[in-house]
């Protein structure tokens, strides 16, 4: 998964639940920073690396802990001709 896709996915995972259930009073800057530090701690995440798979597992765990159901599209990217 390319970095832009991971950033988009991460932003979606963080932003959508906030839009649906959170009010400004529910937002915690400390919690957001803690989450971001954990995500960044995986280090560089090139495609198919252990780091990207670990980040994906971390995000799945966090989303599931909120009671959300995850639906995944698994695909194999093909090189450009």
N, C-alpha and C. Protein backbone atom coordinates (compact mmCIF):
# COMPACT_ATOMS: atom_id res chain seq x y z
N UNK A 1 0.86 -1.17 0.00
CA UNK A 1 0.00 0.00 0.00
C UNK A 1 0.90 1.22 0.00
N UNK A 2 0.63 2.18 -0.87
CA UNK A 2 1.46 3.36 -0.96
C UNK A 2 1.18 4.29 0.21
N UNK A 3 2.17 5.13 0.51
CA UNK A 3 2.06 6.05 1.65
C UNK A 3 0.80 6.90 1.57
N UNK A 4 0.48 7.43 0.38
CA UNK A 4 -0.72 8.27 0.24
C UNK A 4 -1.98 7.49 0.60
N UNK A 5 -2.02 6.20 0.22
CA UNK A 5 -3.18 5.38 0.54
C UNK A 5 -3.27 5.16 2.04
N UNK A 6 -2.14 4.94 2.69
CA UNK A 6 -2.13 4.73 4.14
C UNK A 6 -2.57 5.99 4.85
N UNK A 7 -2.07 7.14 4.41
CA UNK A 7 -2.45 8.41 5.03
C UNK A 7 -3.94 8.64 4.85
N UNK A 8 -4.46 8.40 3.64
CA UNK A 8 -5.88 8.56 3.40
C UNK A 8 -6.69 7.62 4.28
N UNK A 9 -6.26 6.35 4.34
CA UNK A 9 -6.98 5.36 5.15
C UNK A 9 -6.96 5.76 6.62
N UNK A 10 -5.79 6.19 7.10
CA UNK A 10 -5.67 6.60 8.49
C UNK A 10 -6.56 7.81 8.77
N UNK A 11 -6.54 8.78 7.88
CA UNK A 11 -7.38 9.96 8.06
C UNK A 11 -8.85 9.58 8.07
N UNK A 12 -9.23 8.65 7.22
CA UNK A 12 -10.62 8.21 7.16
C UNK A 12 -11.01 7.49 8.45
N UNK A 13 -10.13 6.64 8.92
CA UNK A 13 -10.41 5.89 10.15
C UNK A 13 -10.57 6.83 11.34
N UNK A 14 -9.77 7.88 11.37
CA UNK A 14 -9.82 8.82 12.49
C UNK A 14 -10.96 9.82 12.31
N UNK A 15 -11.17 10.32 11.09
CA UNK A 15 -12.13 11.40 10.87
C UNK A 15 -13.58 10.94 10.84
N UNK A 16 -13.88 9.86 10.17
CA UNK A 16 -15.27 9.43 10.01
C UNK A 16 -15.94 9.15 11.35
N UNK A 17 -15.31 8.35 12.24
CA UNK A 17 -15.96 8.14 13.53
C UNK A 17 -16.18 9.45 14.29
N UNK A 18 -15.24 10.37 14.16
CA UNK A 18 -15.38 11.65 14.85
C UNK A 18 -16.58 12.43 14.32
N UNK A 19 -16.81 12.37 13.02
CA UNK A 19 -17.94 13.08 12.43
C UNK A 19 -19.27 12.45 12.83
N UNK A 20 -19.26 11.15 13.03
CA UNK A 20 -20.50 10.44 13.31
C UNK A 20 -20.90 10.52 14.78
N UNK A 21 -19.96 10.34 15.70
CA UNK A 21 -20.35 10.20 17.10
C UNK A 21 -19.73 11.22 18.05
N UNK A 22 -18.74 11.96 17.65
CA UNK A 22 -18.04 12.82 18.60
C UNK A 22 -18.52 14.26 18.53
N UNK A 23 -18.52 14.87 19.67
CA UNK A 23 -18.76 16.30 19.75
C UNK A 23 -17.43 16.96 20.10
N UNK A 24 -17.32 18.27 19.97
CA UNK A 24 -16.05 18.92 20.32
C UNK A 24 -15.60 18.61 21.75
N UNK A 25 -16.54 18.40 22.63
CA UNK A 25 -16.19 18.10 24.01
C UNK A 25 -15.56 16.72 24.15
N UNK A 26 -15.83 15.82 23.18
CA UNK A 26 -15.30 14.46 23.22
C UNK A 26 -13.88 14.36 22.69
N UNK A 27 -13.42 15.39 21.98
CA UNK A 27 -12.09 15.34 21.37
C UNK A 27 -11.01 15.49 22.43
N UNK A 28 -9.99 14.66 22.32
CA UNK A 28 -8.85 14.75 23.23
C UNK A 28 -7.58 14.91 22.40
N UNK A 29 -6.97 16.06 22.50
CA UNK A 29 -5.71 16.29 21.80
C UNK A 29 -4.64 15.33 22.28
N UNK A 30 -4.63 15.04 23.56
CA UNK A 30 -3.65 14.10 24.12
C UNK A 30 -3.85 12.71 23.52
N UNK A 31 -5.10 12.27 23.43
CA UNK A 31 -5.40 10.97 22.84
C UNK A 31 -5.01 10.93 21.36
N UNK A 32 -5.31 11.99 20.63
CA UNK A 32 -4.95 12.05 19.21
C UNK A 32 -3.44 11.99 19.03
N UNK A 33 -2.71 12.71 19.86
CA UNK A 33 -1.25 12.70 19.76
C UNK A 33 -0.69 11.33 20.13
N UNK A 34 -1.25 10.70 21.13
CA UNK A 34 -0.82 9.36 21.52
C UNK A 34 -1.03 8.37 20.38
N UNK A 35 -2.22 8.43 19.75
CA UNK A 35 -2.53 7.56 18.62
C UNK A 35 -1.53 7.80 17.48
N UNK A 36 -1.27 9.06 17.18
CA UNK A 36 -0.35 9.41 16.09
C UNK A 36 1.06 8.93 16.39
N UNK A 37 1.51 9.10 17.63
CA UNK A 37 2.85 8.63 18.00
C UNK A 37 2.97 7.12 17.82
N UNK A 38 1.93 6.38 18.20
CA UNK A 38 1.96 4.92 18.04
C UNK A 38 2.02 4.55 16.56
N UNK A 39 1.23 5.24 15.74
CA UNK A 39 1.21 4.93 14.30
C UNK A 39 2.54 5.26 13.65
N UNK A 40 3.13 6.38 14.01
CA UNK A 40 4.41 6.80 13.42
C UNK A 40 5.56 5.93 13.92
N UNK A 41 5.42 5.36 15.10
CA UNK A 41 6.49 4.54 15.70
C UNK A 41 6.80 3.29 14.89
N UNK A 42 5.91 2.91 13.99
CA UNK A 42 6.19 1.75 13.15
C UNK A 42 7.30 2.04 12.15
N UNK A 43 7.63 3.30 11.99
CA UNK A 43 8.72 3.69 11.10
C UNK A 43 8.30 3.70 9.65
N UNK A 44 9.29 3.75 8.75
CA UNK A 44 8.98 3.74 7.32
C UNK A 44 8.16 2.51 6.96
N UNK A 45 7.18 2.71 6.10
CA UNK A 45 6.26 1.63 5.77
C UNK A 45 6.16 1.41 4.27
N UNK A 46 7.23 0.93 3.65
CA UNK A 46 7.14 0.64 2.22
C UNK A 46 6.17 -0.51 1.97
N UNK A 47 5.66 -0.61 0.75
CA UNK A 47 4.70 -1.67 0.43
C UNK A 47 5.21 -3.06 0.83
N UNK A 48 4.32 -3.84 1.39
CA UNK A 48 4.57 -5.24 1.77
C UNK A 48 5.67 -5.41 2.82
N UNK A 49 5.95 -4.36 3.58
CA UNK A 49 6.96 -4.47 4.64
C UNK A 49 6.30 -4.94 5.94
N UNK A 50 7.11 -5.42 6.86
CA UNK A 50 6.58 -5.79 8.17
C UNK A 50 5.95 -4.57 8.85
N UNK A 51 6.57 -3.41 8.67
CA UNK A 51 6.07 -2.19 9.32
C UNK A 51 4.67 -1.83 8.83
N UNK A 52 4.42 -1.93 7.53
CA UNK A 52 3.08 -1.57 7.02
C UNK A 52 2.05 -2.59 7.49
N UNK A 53 2.42 -3.86 7.54
CA UNK A 53 1.49 -4.89 8.03
C UNK A 53 1.21 -4.70 9.52
N UNK A 54 2.22 -4.32 10.28
CA UNK A 54 2.03 -4.06 11.71
C UNK A 54 1.12 -2.85 11.93
N UNK A 55 1.31 -1.80 11.13
CA UNK A 55 0.44 -0.62 11.23
C UNK A 55 -0.99 -0.99 10.87
N UNK A 56 -1.16 -1.75 9.80
CA UNK A 56 -2.51 -2.17 9.40
C UNK A 56 -3.18 -2.98 10.52
N UNK A 57 -2.45 -3.88 11.14
CA UNK A 57 -3.00 -4.67 12.25
C UNK A 57 -3.36 -3.77 13.43
N UNK A 58 -2.51 -2.80 13.71
CA UNK A 58 -2.78 -1.85 14.80
C UNK A 58 -4.07 -1.07 14.52
N UNK A 59 -4.21 -0.59 13.28
CA UNK A 59 -5.41 0.18 12.92
C UNK A 59 -6.66 -0.69 13.00
N UNK A 60 -6.56 -1.94 12.52
CA UNK A 60 -7.70 -2.86 12.62
C UNK A 60 -8.12 -3.04 14.08
N UNK A 61 -7.15 -3.26 14.94
CA UNK A 61 -7.42 -3.47 16.36
C UNK A 61 -8.10 -2.25 16.97
N UNK A 62 -7.58 -1.06 16.65
CA UNK A 62 -8.15 0.17 17.19
C UNK A 62 -9.59 0.38 16.72
N UNK A 63 -9.82 0.16 15.43
CA UNK A 63 -11.17 0.36 14.89
C UNK A 63 -12.14 -0.66 15.47
N UNK A 64 -11.72 -1.93 15.56
CA UNK A 64 -12.59 -2.96 16.13
C UNK A 64 -12.90 -2.67 17.60
N UNK A 65 -11.95 -2.09 18.32
CA UNK A 65 -12.18 -1.78 19.73
C UNK A 65 -13.27 -0.73 19.91
N UNK A 66 -13.55 0.03 18.84
CA UNK A 66 -14.62 1.03 18.88
C UNK A 66 -15.96 0.43 18.48
N UNK A 67 -15.94 -0.87 18.15
CA UNK A 67 -17.18 -1.55 17.78
C UNK A 67 -17.51 -1.46 16.30
N UNK A 68 -16.59 -0.97 15.50
CA UNK A 68 -16.82 -0.85 14.07
C UNK A 68 -16.54 -2.19 13.40
N UNK A 69 -17.26 -2.46 12.33
CA UNK A 69 -17.06 -3.66 11.53
C UNK A 69 -16.17 -3.29 10.35
N UNK A 70 -15.18 -4.11 10.10
CA UNK A 70 -14.23 -3.82 9.03
C UNK A 70 -14.50 -4.72 7.84
N UNK A 71 -14.54 -4.11 6.68
CA UNK A 71 -14.65 -4.83 5.42
C UNK A 71 -13.42 -4.49 4.61
N UNK A 72 -12.68 -5.52 4.20
CA UNK A 72 -11.44 -5.29 3.48
C UNK A 72 -11.54 -5.73 2.03
N UNK A 73 -10.90 -4.98 1.17
CA UNK A 73 -10.72 -5.34 -0.23
C UNK A 73 -9.27 -5.75 -0.39
N UNK A 74 -9.03 -7.01 -0.66
CA UNK A 74 -7.67 -7.49 -0.86
C UNK A 74 -7.40 -7.53 -2.36
N UNK A 75 -6.28 -6.96 -2.75
CA UNK A 75 -5.94 -6.96 -4.16
C UNK A 75 -4.42 -7.02 -4.31
N UNK A 76 -4.01 -7.41 -5.49
CA UNK A 76 -2.59 -7.47 -5.80
C UNK A 76 -2.33 -6.41 -6.87
N UNK A 77 -1.52 -5.44 -6.54
CA UNK A 77 -1.19 -4.39 -7.51
C UNK A 77 -0.29 -4.96 -8.59
N UNK A 78 -0.54 -4.55 -9.80
CA UNK A 78 0.30 -4.99 -10.94
C UNK A 78 1.21 -3.84 -11.35
N UNK A 79 2.44 -4.18 -11.72
CA UNK A 79 3.34 -3.11 -12.17
C UNK A 79 2.84 -2.46 -13.45
N UNK A 80 3.15 -1.20 -13.60
CA UNK A 80 2.76 -0.49 -14.82
C UNK A 80 3.59 -0.98 -15.99
N UNK A 81 2.97 -1.04 -17.16
CA UNK A 81 3.72 -1.51 -18.34
C UNK A 81 4.77 -0.51 -18.77
